[in-house]
């Protein structure tokens, strides 16, 4: 694997390989000493042009647990704020000897530009680009669903027959886009639920059905209900009347939580707007996978960095 730029073009075999290696990585994180020597001597740069806490820290933890050297680069307070271009920044990283660049950028397509421009020789991982994709989030979500359903017997399994419903701000969500493509590739049936104003203009090519009523979607008994954050910072218009109205019609409140099937799990990519798209009862319930998603994110990102920088032989023994 040379780069990880999206899930739309990720094959089923490659997706399963990442998830299976992530299982190996998760096993190592149960040890007293969690650090592995696998990427000793490699340099991973976290190149973040947008604010992030969970994703940046998760990638940093993943790289450090594989013994890589980590450089954290934030656009704020850097030469980027003085007008430096992505090309100049990339060439600076190349001169520093970066082996992998994890990039989050406000412009859709920036990671692909970085990977295909010839400016750097490093592997590129997309940590979120505009409203386009966020592939490692989708991978950790798929890992969480698979692990919750199959437990220790997860290796080699896909998500065939699983029903996943994604609810909320689909329009602005790169998480939703990455999940639609990946979950479908792995065999899951995906349903999107949102106000009509928060559904992209044309989703006819997406491998998902669209509904507008959350209660109907809950009655269909999904295996996983993924609530998305309302991305107010990307909204320049009124997409729904009020937050109270949104919460009433599309929020996961205690009453809707109680109507979910016995085996349904509640997911959220974070950060959560408690009381808006998800109630505290739902976020903190036994059904919730929110904290498991954070834990699994480190294992999945360890797997991605390993496969980019050390997994060319196809063997994972040295990662165990």
C-alpha atoms as a PDB file:
ATOM      1  CA  UNK A   1       0.000   0.000   0.000  1.00  0.00           C
ATOM      2  CA  UNK A   2       1.577   3.268  -1.155  1.00  0.00           C
ATOM      3  CA  UNK A   3      -0.987   5.824   0.069  1.00  0.00           C
ATOM      4  CA  UNK A   4      -4.400   5.872   1.756  1.00  0.00           C
ATOM      5  CA  UNK A   5      -6.386   8.674   0.165  1.00  0.00           C
ATOM      6  CA  UNK A   6     -10.006   7.466   0.221  1.00  0.00           C
ATOM      7  CA  UNK A   7     -12.246   4.454   0.707  1.00  0.00           C
ATOM      8  CA  UNK A   8     -14.095   4.798  -2.594  1.00  0.00           C
ATOM      9  CA  UNK A   9     -11.186   3.179  -4.459  1.00  0.00           C
ATOM     10  CA  UNK A  10     -10.119   0.855  -1.613  1.00  0.00           C
ATOM     11  CA  UNK A  11     -10.593  -2.781  -2.601  1.00  0.00           C
ATOM     12  CA  UNK A  12     -12.337  -5.281  -0.364  1.00  0.00           C
ATOM     13  CA  UNK A  13      -9.094  -7.270  -0.056  1.00  0.00           C
ATOM     14  CA  UNK A  14      -7.085  -4.204   1.003  1.00  0.00           C
ATOM     15  CA  UNK A  15      -9.778  -3.095   3.449  1.00  0.00           C
ATOM     16  CA  UNK A  16      -9.886  -6.535   5.073  1.00  0.00           C
ATOM     17  CA  UNK A  17      -6.100  -6.629   5.222  1.00  0.00           C
ATOM     18  CA  UNK A  18      -6.036  -3.312   7.113  1.00  0.00           C
ATOM     19  CA  UNK A  19      -8.732  -4.529   9.514  1.00  0.00           C
ATOM     20  CA  UNK A  20      -6.960  -7.840  10.120  1.00  0.00           C
ATOM     21  CA  UNK A  21      -3.605  -6.147  10.779  1.00  0.00           C
ATOM     22  CA  UNK A  22      -5.461  -3.775  13.109  1.00  0.00           C
ATOM     23  CA  UNK A  23      -6.642  -6.849  15.044  1.00  0.00           C
ATOM     24  CA  UNK A  24      -2.974  -7.833  15.461  1.00  0.00           C
ATOM     25  CA  UNK A  25      -2.153  -4.305  16.609  1.00  0.00           C
ATOM     26  CA  UNK A  26      -5.053  -4.313  19.077  1.00  0.00           C
ATOM     27  CA  UNK A  27      -3.690  -7.538  20.571  1.00  0.00           C
ATOM     28  CA  UNK A  28      -0.322  -5.867  21.198  1.00  0.00           C
ATOM     29  CA  UNK A  29      -2.045  -3.001  23.008  1.00  0.00           C
ATOM     30  CA  UNK A  30      -3.230  -5.403  25.716  1.00  0.00           C
ATOM     31  CA  UNK A  31       0.386  -5.975  26.784  1.00  0.00           C
ATOM     32  CA  UNK A  32       2.045  -4.165  29.651  1.00  0.00           C
ATOM     33  CA  UNK A  33       4.614  -2.755  27.213  1.00  0.00           C
ATOM     34  CA  UNK A  34       2.608  -1.447  24.260  1.00  0.00           C
ATOM     35  CA  UNK A  35       5.496  -0.144  22.156  1.00  0.00           C
ATOM     36  CA  UNK A  36       6.728  -2.100  19.120  1.00  0.00           C
ATOM     37  CA  UNK A  37      10.058  -1.599  17.294  1.00  0.00           C
ATOM     38  CA  UNK A  38       8.433  -1.945  13.866  1.00  0.00           C
ATOM     39  CA  UNK A  39       8.936   1.616  12.514  1.00  0.00           C
ATOM     40  CA  UNK A  40      12.132   2.536  14.352  1.00  0.00           C
ATOM     41  CA  UNK A  41      14.084   5.014  12.230  1.00  0.00           C
ATOM     42  CA  UNK A  42      11.002   6.155  10.262  1.00  0.00           C
ATOM     43  CA  UNK A  43       9.641   9.703  10.485  1.00  0.00           C
ATOM     44  CA  UNK A  44       5.910  10.415  10.427  1.00  0.00           C
ATOM     45  CA  UNK A  45       4.714  14.002   9.990  1.00  0.00           C
ATOM     46  CA  UNK A  46       1.238  15.049  11.132  1.00  0.00           C
ATOM     47  CA  UNK A  47       0.433  17.915   8.759  1.00  0.00           C
ATOM     48  CA  UNK A  48      -2.774  19.541   9.991  1.00  0.00           C
ATOM     49  CA  UNK A  49      -4.198  22.578   8.236  1.00  0.00           C
ATOM     50  CA  UNK A  50      -7.468  22.226  10.184  1.00  0.00           C
ATOM     51  CA  UNK A  51      -8.019  21.993  13.931  1.00  0.00           C
ATOM     52  CA  UNK A  52      -8.137  18.473  15.300  1.00  0.00           C
ATOM     53  CA  UNK A  53      -7.758  16.791  18.657  1.00  0.00           C
ATOM     54  CA  UNK A  54      -8.851  13.156  18.356  1.00  0.00           C
ATOM     55  CA  UNK A  55      -7.441  12.370  14.924  1.00  0.00           C
ATOM     56  CA  UNK A  56      -4.077  14.088  15.434  1.00  0.00           C
ATOM     57  CA  UNK A  57      -3.502  12.561  18.866  1.00  0.00           C
ATOM     58  CA  UNK A  58      -4.613   9.150  17.586  1.00  0.00           C
ATOM     59  CA  UNK A  59      -2.124   9.241  14.701  1.00  0.00           C
ATOM     60  CA  UNK A  60       0.593  10.494  17.036  1.00  0.00           C
ATOM     61  CA  UNK A  61      -0.060   7.667  19.502  1.00  0.00           C
ATOM     62  CA  UNK A  62      -0.145   5.118  16.663  1.00  0.00           C
ATOM     63  CA  UNK A  63       3.196   6.263  15.225  1.00  0.00           C
ATOM     64  CA  UNK A  64       4.896   6.418  18.622  1.00  0.00           C
ATOM     65  CA  UNK A  65       3.690   2.955  19.603  1.00  0.00           C
ATOM     66  CA  UNK A  66       5.374   1.695  16.430  1.00  0.00           C
ATOM     67  CA  UNK A  67       8.582   3.529  17.520  1.00  0.00           C
ATOM     68  CA  UNK A  68       8.482   6.078  14.691  1.00  0.00           C
ATOM     69  CA  UNK A  69       9.742   9.631  15.169  1.00  0.00           C
ATOM     70  CA  UNK A  70       6.811  12.050  15.031  1.00  0.00           C
ATOM     71  CA  UNK A  71       6.744  15.671  13.893  1.00  0.00           C
ATOM     72  CA  UNK A  72       3.513  17.583  14.551  1.00  0.00           C
ATOM     73  CA  UNK A  73       2.937  20.458  12.131  1.00  0.00           C
ATOM     74  CA  UNK A  74       0.065  22.868  12.697  1.00  0.00           C
ATOM     75  CA  UNK A  75      -0.773  25.506  10.103  1.00  0.00           C
ATOM     76  CA  UNK A  76      -1.519  28.037  12.817  1.00  0.00           C
ATOM     77  CA  UNK A  77       1.677  29.720  13.905  1.00  0.00           C
ATOM     78  CA  UNK A  78       3.593  28.260  10.965  1.00  0.00           C
ATOM     79  CA  UNK A  79       4.792  29.682   7.664  1.00  0.00           C
ATOM     80  CA  UNK A  80       1.457  28.612   6.143  1.00  0.00           C
ATOM     81  CA  UNK A  81      -0.186  31.470   8.039  1.00  0.00           C
ATOM     82  CA  UNK A  82       2.325  33.729   6.280  1.00  0.00           C
ATOM     83  CA  UNK A  83       1.214  32.492   2.853  1.00  0.00           C
ATOM     84  CA  UNK A  84       3.472  29.484   2.240  1.00  0.00           C
ATOM     85  CA  UNK A  85       1.990  27.136  -0.366  1.00  0.00           C
ATOM     86  CA  UNK A  86       1.270  23.413   0.069  1.00  0.00           C
ATOM     87  CA  UNK A  87       4.076  22.728  -2.440  1.00  0.00           C
ATOM     88  CA  UNK A  88       6.663  24.673  -0.425  1.00  0.00           C
ATOM     89  CA  UNK A  89       5.519  23.035   2.812  1.00  0.00           C
ATOM     90  CA  UNK A  90       5.718  19.587   1.182  1.00  0.00           C
ATOM     91  CA  UNK A  91       9.201  20.205  -0.162  1.00  0.00           C
ATOM     92  CA  UNK A  92      10.315  21.323   3.297  1.00  0.00           C
ATOM     93  CA  UNK A  93       9.043  18.012   4.700  1.00  0.00           C
ATOM     94  CA  UNK A  94      10.836  16.138   1.923  1.00  0.00           C
ATOM     95  CA  UNK A  95      14.078  17.874   2.847  1.00  0.00           C
ATOM     96  CA  UNK A  96      13.528  16.802   6.469  1.00  0.00           C
ATOM     97  CA  UNK A  97      13.294  13.172   5.383  1.00  0.00           C
ATOM     98  CA  UNK A  98       9.628  12.456   6.105  1.00  0.00           C
ATOM     99  CA  UNK A  99       8.681   8.829   5.394  1.00  0.00           C
ATOM    100  CA  UNK A 100       4.924   9.323   5.833  1.00  0.00           C
ATOM    101  CA  UNK A 101       2.749  12.435   5.878  1.00  0.00           C
ATOM    102  CA  UNK A 102      -0.650  12.385   7.582  1.00  0.00           C
ATOM    103  CA  UNK A 103      -2.535  15.369   6.199  1.00  0.00           C
ATOM    104  CA  UNK A 104      -5.768  17.084   7.180  1.00  0.00           C
ATOM    105  CA  UNK A 105      -6.757  19.941   4.898  1.00  0.00           C
ATOM    106  CA  UNK A 106      -9.803  22.115   4.303  1.00  0.00           C
ATOM    107  CA  UNK A 107      -9.620  21.641   0.532  1.00  0.00           C
ATOM    108  CA  UNK A 108     -11.078  18.461  -0.917  1.00  0.00           C
ATOM    109  CA  UNK A 109      -8.391  16.680  -2.926  1.00  0.00           C
ATOM    110  CA  UNK A 110      -5.373  18.172  -1.134  1.00  0.00           C
ATOM    111  CA  UNK A 111      -4.031  14.750  -0.005  1.00  0.00           C
ATOM    112  CA  UNK A 112      -4.278  13.396  -3.557  1.00  0.00           C
ATOM    113  CA  UNK A 113      -2.450  16.463  -4.864  1.00  0.00           C
ATOM    114  CA  UNK A 114       0.287  15.861  -2.307  1.00  0.00           C
ATOM    115  CA  UNK A 115       0.530  12.163  -3.200  1.00  0.00           C
ATOM    116  CA  UNK A 116       0.603  12.577  -6.975  1.00  0.00           C
ATOM    117  CA  UNK A 117       2.468  15.871  -7.406  1.00  0.00           C
ATOM    118  CA  UNK A 118       5.974  14.500  -7.220  1.00  0.00           C
ATOM    119  CA  UNK A 119       6.802  17.033  -4.479  1.00  0.00           C
ATOM    120  CA  UNK A 120       7.493  14.283  -1.943  1.00  0.00           C
ATOM    121  CA  UNK A 121       8.356  10.589  -1.952  1.00  0.00           C
ATOM    122  CA  UNK A 122       6.647   9.912   1.389  1.00  0.00           C
ATOM    123  CA  UNK A 123       3.495   7.843   1.767  1.00  0.00           C
ATOM    124  CA  UNK A 124       0.409  10.019   2.242  1.00  0.00           C
ATOM    125  CA  UNK A 125      -2.516   9.318   4.558  1.00  0.00           C
ATOM    126  CA  UNK A 126      -5.682  11.393   4.245  1.00  0.00           C
ATOM    127  CA  UNK A 127      -6.799  12.438   7.738  1.00  0.00           C
ATOM    128  CA  UNK A 128      -9.761  14.382   6.347  1.00  0.00           C
ATOM    129  CA  UNK A 129      -9.993  16.681   3.306  1.00  0.00           C
ATOM    130  CA  UNK A 130     -12.765  19.244   3.115  1.00  0.00           C
ATOM    131  CA  UNK A 131     -16.130  17.510   2.784  1.00  0.00           C
ATOM    132  CA  UNK A 132     -14.575  14.732   0.674  1.00  0.00           C
ATOM    133  CA  UNK A 133     -13.341  11.770   2.740  1.00  0.00           C
ATOM    134  CA  UNK A 134     -11.889  10.614   6.070  1.00  0.00           C
ATOM    135  CA  UNK A 135     -10.800   7.028   5.334  1.00  0.00           C
ATOM    136  CA  UNK A 136      -9.247   6.043   8.672  1.00  0.00           C
ATOM    137  CA  UNK A 137     -12.424   7.081  10.498  1.00  0.00           C
ATOM    138  CA  UNK A 138     -14.457   4.762   8.272  1.00  0.00           C
ATOM    139  CA  UNK A 139     -11.936   1.965   8.818  1.00  0.00           C
ATOM    140  CA  UNK A 140     -12.108   2.318  12.606  1.00  0.00           C
ATOM    141  CA  UNK A 141     -15.910   2.399  12.401  1.00  0.00           C
ATOM    142  CA  UNK A 142     -15.922  -0.798  10.318  1.00  0.00           C
ATOM    143  CA  UNK A 143     -13.424  -2.356  12.749  1.00  0.00           C
ATOM    144  CA  UNK A 144     -15.679  -1.433  15.685  1.00  0.00           C
ATOM    145  CA  UNK A 145     -18.814  -2.881  14.039  1.00  0.00           C
ATOM    146  CA  UNK A 146     -16.999  -6.089  13.082  1.00  0.00           C
ATOM    147  CA  UNK A 147     -15.413  -6.460  16.506  1.00  0.00           C
ATOM    148  CA  UNK A 148     -18.658  -5.809  18.395  1.00  0.00           C
ATOM    149  CA  UNK A 149     -20.450  -8.433  16.271  1.00  0.00           C
ATOM    150  CA  UNK A 150     -17.787 -11.141  15.988  1.00  0.00           C
ATOM    151  CA  UNK A 151     -15.384 -10.457  18.878  1.00  0.00           C
ATOM    152  CA  UNK A 152     -12.177 -12.510  18.823  1.00  0.00           C
ATOM    153  CA  UNK A 153     -13.442 -14.332  15.731  1.00  0.00           C
ATOM    154  CA  UNK A 154     -13.316 -11.182  13.570  1.00  0.00           C
ATOM    155  CA  UNK A 155     -10.259 -11.844  11.385  1.00  0.00           C
ATOM    156  CA  UNK A 156     -11.081 -12.387   7.748  1.00  0.00           C
ATOM    157  CA  UNK A 157     -14.740 -11.484   8.186  1.00  0.00           C
ATOM    158  CA  UNK A 158     -16.556  -8.777   6.272  1.00  0.00           C
ATOM    159  CA  UNK A 159     -19.820  -7.005   7.170  1.00  0.00           C
ATOM    160  CA  UNK A 160     -22.143  -9.032   4.931  1.00  0.00           C
ATOM    161  CA  UNK A 161     -25.727  -8.780   6.138  1.00  0.00           C
ATOM    162  CA  UNK A 162     -25.088  -5.891   8.550  1.00  0.00           C
ATOM    163  CA  UNK A 163     -27.491  -2.949   8.405  1.00  0.00           C
ATOM    164  CA  UNK A 164     -25.892   0.418   9.200  1.00  0.00           C
ATOM    165  CA  UNK A 165     -27.910   3.640   9.415  1.00  0.00           C
ATOM    166  CA  UNK A 166     -26.038   6.964   9.300  1.00  0.00           C
ATOM    167  CA  UNK A 167     -27.991   9.934  10.660  1.00  0.00           C
ATOM    168  CA  UNK A 168     -27.527  13.683  10.470  1.00  0.00           C
ATOM    169  CA  UNK A 169     -25.415  16.177   8.568  1.00  0.00           C
ATOM    170  CA  UNK A 170     -24.651  14.037   5.516  1.00  0.00           C
ATOM    171  CA  UNK A 171     -24.073  17.098   3.338  1.00  0.00           C
ATOM    172  CA  UNK A 172     -20.961  18.301   5.155  1.00  0.00           C
ATOM    173  CA  UNK A 173     -19.723  14.936   6.454  1.00  0.00           C
ATOM    174  CA  UNK A 174     -16.568  13.367   5.023  1.00  0.00           C
ATOM    175  CA  UNK A 175     -17.099  10.628   7.623  1.00  0.00           C
ATOM    176  CA  UNK A 176     -20.443   9.725   6.038  1.00  0.00           C
ATOM    177  CA  UNK A 177     -18.941   9.600   2.542  1.00  0.00           C
ATOM    178  CA  UNK A 178     -16.049   7.360   3.568  1.00  0.00           C
ATOM    179  CA  UNK A 179     -18.377   5.087   5.517  1.00  0.00           C
ATOM    180  CA  UNK A 180     -20.864   4.720   2.662  1.00  0.00           C
ATOM    181  CA  UNK A 181     -18.161   3.463   0.296  1.00  0.00           C
ATOM    182  CA  UNK A 182     -16.267   1.279   2.762  1.00  0.00           C
ATOM    183  CA  UNK A 183     -19.239  -0.324   4.496  1.00  0.00           C
ATOM    184  CA  UNK A 184     -20.816  -1.101   1.124  1.00  0.00           C
ATOM    185  CA  UNK A 185     -17.547  -2.614  -0.152  1.00  0.00           C
ATOM    186  CA  UNK A 186     -17.521  -4.847   2.944  1.00  0.00           C
ATOM    187  CA  UNK A 187     -21.075  -6.026   2.262  1.00  0.00           C
ATOM    188  CA  UNK A 188     -23.132  -3.893   4.645  1.00  0.00           C
ATOM    189  CA  UNK A 189     -26.460  -2.335   3.733  1.00  0.00           C
ATOM    190  CA  UNK A 190     -26.229   1.426   4.319  1.00  0.00           C
ATOM    191  CA  UNK A 191     -29.120   3.811   4.944  1.00  0.00           C
ATOM    192  CA  UNK A 192     -28.755   7.594   5.223  1.00  0.00           C
ATOM    193  CA  UNK A 193     -31.224   9.596   7.326  1.00  0.00           C
ATOM    194  CA  UNK A 194     -31.283  13.394   7.336  1.00  0.00           C
ATOM    195  CA  UNK A 195     -33.403  16.464   6.710  1.00  0.00           C
ATOM    196  CA  UNK A 196     -33.723  16.982   2.923  1.00  0.00           C
ATOM    197  CA  UNK A 197     -31.573  20.117   3.259  1.00  0.00           C
ATOM    198  CA  UNK A 198     -28.672  18.082   4.704  1.00  0.00           C
ATOM    199  CA  UNK A 199     -28.577  15.450   1.960  1.00  0.00           C
ATOM    200  CA  UNK A 200     -26.171  16.161  -0.952  1.00  0.00           C
ATOM    201  CA  UNK A 201     -27.876  17.239  -4.163  1.00  0.00           C
ATOM    202  CA  UNK A 202     -27.173  14.010  -6.050  1.00  0.00           C
ATOM    203  CA  UNK A 203     -26.546  10.760  -4.177  1.00  0.00           C
ATOM    204  CA  UNK A 204     -27.877   8.509  -6.924  1.00  0.00           C
ATOM    205  CA  UNK A 205     -24.415   6.996  -7.435  1.00  0.00           C
ATOM    206  CA  UNK A 206     -23.910   6.289  -3.738  1.00  0.00           C
ATOM    207  CA  UNK A 207     -24.444   2.675  -2.636  1.00  0.00           C
ATOM    208  CA  UNK A 208     -26.991   3.704  -0.001  1.00  0.00           C
ATOM    209  CA  UNK A 209     -30.692   4.338   0.395  1.00  0.00           C
ATOM    210  CA  UNK A 210     -31.955   7.693   1.689  1.00  0.00           C
ATOM    211  CA  UNK A 211     -34.694   8.240   4.254  1.00  0.00           C
ATOM    212  CA  UNK A 212     -35.902  11.393   5.952  1.00  0.00           C
ATOM    213  CA  UNK A 213     -37.677   9.943   8.997  1.00  0.00           C
ATOM    214  CA  UNK A 214     -35.522   8.667  11.862  1.00  0.00           C
ATOM    215  CA  UNK A 215     -38.370   6.815  13.559  1.00  0.00           C
ATOM    216  CA  UNK A 216     -38.997   4.752  10.424  1.00  0.00           C
ATOM    217  CA  UNK A 217     -35.269   3.979  10.204  1.00  0.00           C
ATOM    218  CA  UNK A 218     -35.224   2.802  13.845  1.00  0.00           C
ATOM    219  CA  UNK A 219     -38.263   0.602  13.195  1.00  0.00           C
ATOM    220  CA  UNK A 220     -36.210  -1.101  10.449  1.00  0.00           C
ATOM    221  CA  UNK A 221     -33.969  -2.451  13.264  1.00  0.00           C
ATOM    222  CA  UNK A 222     -30.433  -1.400  12.197  1.00  0.00           C
ATOM    223  CA  UNK A 223     -27.427  -3.273  13.583  1.00  0.00           C
ATOM    224  CA  UNK A 224     -25.589   0.040  13.991  1.00  0.00           C
ATOM    225  CA  UNK A 225     -26.942   3.571  14.284  1.00  0.00           C
ATOM    226  CA  UNK A 226     -24.252   6.168  13.568  1.00  0.00           C
ATOM    227  CA  UNK A 227     -25.092   9.712  14.658  1.00  0.00           C
ATOM    228  CA  UNK A 228     -23.163  12.508  12.937  1.00  0.00           C
ATOM    229  CA  UNK A 229     -22.151  15.862  14.388  1.00  0.00           C
ATOM    230  CA  UNK A 230     -23.947  18.940  13.103  1.00  0.00           C
ATOM    231  CA  UNK A 231     -21.058  20.855  11.497  1.00  0.00           C
ATOM    232  CA  UNK A 232     -22.137  24.406  12.238  1.00  0.00           C
ATOM    233  CA  UNK A 233     -18.720  25.750  11.219  1.00  0.00           C
ATOM    234  CA  UNK A 234     -19.337  24.626   7.611  1.00  0.00           C
ATOM    235  CA  UNK A 235     -22.868  26.031   7.433  1.00  0.00           C
ATOM    236  CA  UNK A 236     -23.409  29.425   5.850  1.00  0.00           C
ATOM    237  CA  UNK A 237     -27.193  29.133   5.674  1.00  0.00           C
ATOM    238  CA  UNK A 238     -30.144  27.890   7.738  1.00  0.00           C
ATOM    239  CA  UNK A 239     -30.370  24.147   7.024  1.00  0.00           C
ATOM    240  CA  UNK A 240     -33.036  23.509   9.678  1.00  0.00           C
ATOM    241  CA  UNK A 241     -35.379  25.819  11.671  1.00  0.00           C
ATOM    242  CA  UNK A 242     -33.809  25.522  15.152  1.00  0.00           C
ATOM    243  CA  UNK A 243     -31.521  23.201  17.077  1.00  0.00           C
ATOM    244  CA  UNK A 244     -34.493  22.216  19.233  1.00  0.00           C
ATOM    245  CA  UNK A 245     -36.491  21.220  16.159  1.00  0.00           C
ATOM    246  CA  UNK A 246     -33.546  19.267  14.740  1.00  0.00           C
ATOM    247  CA  UNK A 247     -33.093  17.394  18.023  1.00  0.00           C
ATOM    248  CA  UNK A 248     -36.810  16.589  18.179  1.00  0.00           C
ATOM    249  CA  UNK A 249     -36.942  15.119  14.667  1.00  0.00           C
ATOM    250  CA  UNK A 250     -33.463  13.718  14.035  1.00  0.00           C
ATOM    251  CA  UNK A 251     -31.793  13.404  17.441  1.00  0.00           C
ATOM    252  CA  UNK A 252     -31.251  10.137  19.303  1.00  0.00           C
ATOM    253  CA  UNK A 253     -33.184  10.855  22.491  1.00  0.00           C
ATOM    254  CA  UNK A 254     -33.906   8.388  25.332  1.00  0.00           C
ATOM    255  CA  UNK A 255     -37.246   7.334  23.806  1.00  0.00           C
ATOM    256  CA  UNK A 256     -35.662   6.429  20.454  1.00  0.00           C
ATOM    257  CA  UNK A 257     -32.776   4.725  22.238  1.00  0.00           C
ATOM    258  CA  UNK A 258     -35.269   2.504  24.093  1.00  0.00           C
ATOM    259  CA  UNK A 259     -36.897   1.489  20.791  1.00  0.00           C
ATOM    260  CA  UNK A 260     -33.657   0.221  19.256  1.00  0.00           C
ATOM    261  CA  UNK A 261     -33.282  -3.540  18.867  1.00  0.00           C
ATOM    262  CA  UNK A 262     -31.528  -5.445  21.637  1.00  0.00           C
ATOM    263  CA  UNK A 263     -28.326  -5.911  19.619  1.00  0.00           C
ATOM    264  CA  UNK A 264     -28.173  -2.457  17.990  1.00  0.00           C
ATOM    265  CA  UNK A 265     -25.061  -0.398  18.690  1.00  0.00           C
ATOM    266  CA  UNK A 266     -24.899   3.406  18.885  1.00  0.00           C
ATOM    267  CA  UNK A 267     -21.941   5.093  17.185  1.00  0.00           C
ATOM    268  CA  UNK A 268     -20.610   8.657  16.892  1.00  0.00           C
ATOM    269  CA  UNK A 269     -17.330   9.812  15.298  1.00  0.00           C
ATOM    270  CA  UNK A 270     -16.962  12.681  17.792  1.00  0.00           C
ATOM    271  CA  UNK A 271     -16.851  15.331  18.936  1.00  0.00           C
ATOM    272  CA  UNK A 272     -20.451  15.011  20.138  1.00  0.00           C
ATOM    273  CA  UNK A 273     -22.996  17.787  20.522  1.00  0.00           C
ATOM    274  CA  UNK A 274     -24.799  16.266  23.500  1.00  0.00           C
ATOM    275  CA  UNK A 275     -28.444  17.202  23.538  1.00  0.00           C
ATOM    276  CA  UNK A 276     -28.480  18.013  19.821  1.00  0.00           C
ATOM    277  CA  UNK A 277     -27.783  14.954  17.666  1.00  0.00           C
ATOM    278  CA  UNK A 278     -27.361  12.568  20.607  1.00  0.00           C
ATOM    279  CA  UNK A 279     -28.598  12.564  24.195  1.00  0.00           C
ATOM    280  CA  UNK A 280     -26.312  11.948  27.150  1.00  0.00           C
ATOM    281  CA  UNK A 281     -28.270   8.756  27.884  1.00  0.00           C
ATOM    282  CA  UNK A 282     -27.496   7.402  24.411  1.00  0.00           C
ATOM    283  CA  UNK A 283     -23.857   8.518  24.413  1.00  0.00           C
ATOM    284  CA  UNK A 284     -23.177   6.907  27.799  1.00  0.00           C
ATOM    285  CA  UNK A 285     -25.322   3.791  27.408  1.00  0.00           C
ATOM    286  CA  UNK A 286     -24.065   0.206  27.226  1.00  0.00           C
ATOM    287  CA  UNK A 287     -24.996   0.253  23.520  1.00  0.00           C
ATOM    288  CA  UNK A 288     -22.570   3.103  22.853  1.00  0.00           C
ATOM    289  CA  UNK A 289     -19.310   2.338  21.036  1.00  0.00           C
ATOM    290  CA  UNK A 290     -18.007   5.920  21.259  1.00  0.00           C
ATOM    291  CA  UNK A 291     -15.035   5.148  23.517  1.00  0.00           C
ATOM    292  CA  UNK A 292     -14.348   1.857  21.739  1.00  0.00           C
ATOM    293  CA  UNK A 293     -14.100   3.821  18.482  1.00  0.00           C
ATOM    294  CA  UNK A 294     -11.397   6.019  20.018  1.00  0.00           C
ATOM    295  CA  UNK A 295      -9.446   2.988  21.264  1.00  0.00           C
ATOM    296  CA  UNK A 296      -9.851   1.165  17.958  1.00  0.00           C
ATOM    297  CA  UNK A 297      -8.723   4.268  16.077  1.00  0.00           C
ATOM    298  CA  UNK A 298      -5.193   3.872  17.438  1.00  0.00           C
ATOM    299  CA  UNK A 299      -5.015   0.207  16.367  1.00  0.00           C
ATOM    300  CA  UNK A 300      -6.376   0.969  12.887  1.00  0.00           C
ATOM    301  CA  UNK A 301      -3.963   3.852  12.382  1.00  0.00           C
ATOM    302  CA  UNK A 302      -1.090   1.675  13.589  1.00  0.00           C
ATOM    303  CA  UNK A 303      -2.116  -0.832  10.917  1.00  0.00           C
ATOM    304  CA  UNK A 304      -2.259   1.834   8.191  1.00  0.00           C
ATOM    305  CA  UNK A 305       1.167   3.259   9.072  1.00  0.00           C
ATOM    306  CA  UNK A 306       2.633  -0.246   9.316  1.00  0.00           C
ATOM    307  CA  UNK A 307       1.290  -1.248   5.891  1.00  0.00           C
ATOM    308  CA  UNK A 308       2.517   2.024   4.350  1.00  0.00           C
ATOM    309  CA  UNK A 309       6.003   1.880   5.800  1.00  0.00           C
ATOM    310  CA  UNK A 310       6.846  -1.720   6.685  1.00  0.00           C
ATOM    311  CA  UNK A 311       4.248  -4.076   5.275  1.00  0.00           C
ATOM    312  CA  UNK A 312       5.510  -4.505   1.734  1.00  0.00           C
ATOM    313  CA  UNK A 313       6.257  -8.189   2.190  1.00  0.00           C
ATOM    314  CA  UNK A 314       2.650  -8.984   3.062  1.00  0.00           C
ATOM    315  CA  UNK A 315       3.771 -10.517   6.367  1.00  0.00           C
ATOM    316  CA  UNK A 316       2.569  -9.129   9.671  1.00  0.00           C
ATOM    317  CA  UNK A 317       4.591 -11.302  12.027  1.00  0.00           C
ATOM    318  CA  UNK A 318       6.976  -8.486  12.915  1.00  0.00           C
ATOM    319  CA  UNK A 319       4.013  -6.332  13.956  1.00  0.00           C
ATOM    320  CA  UNK A 320       2.916  -8.779  16.642  1.00  0.00           C
END
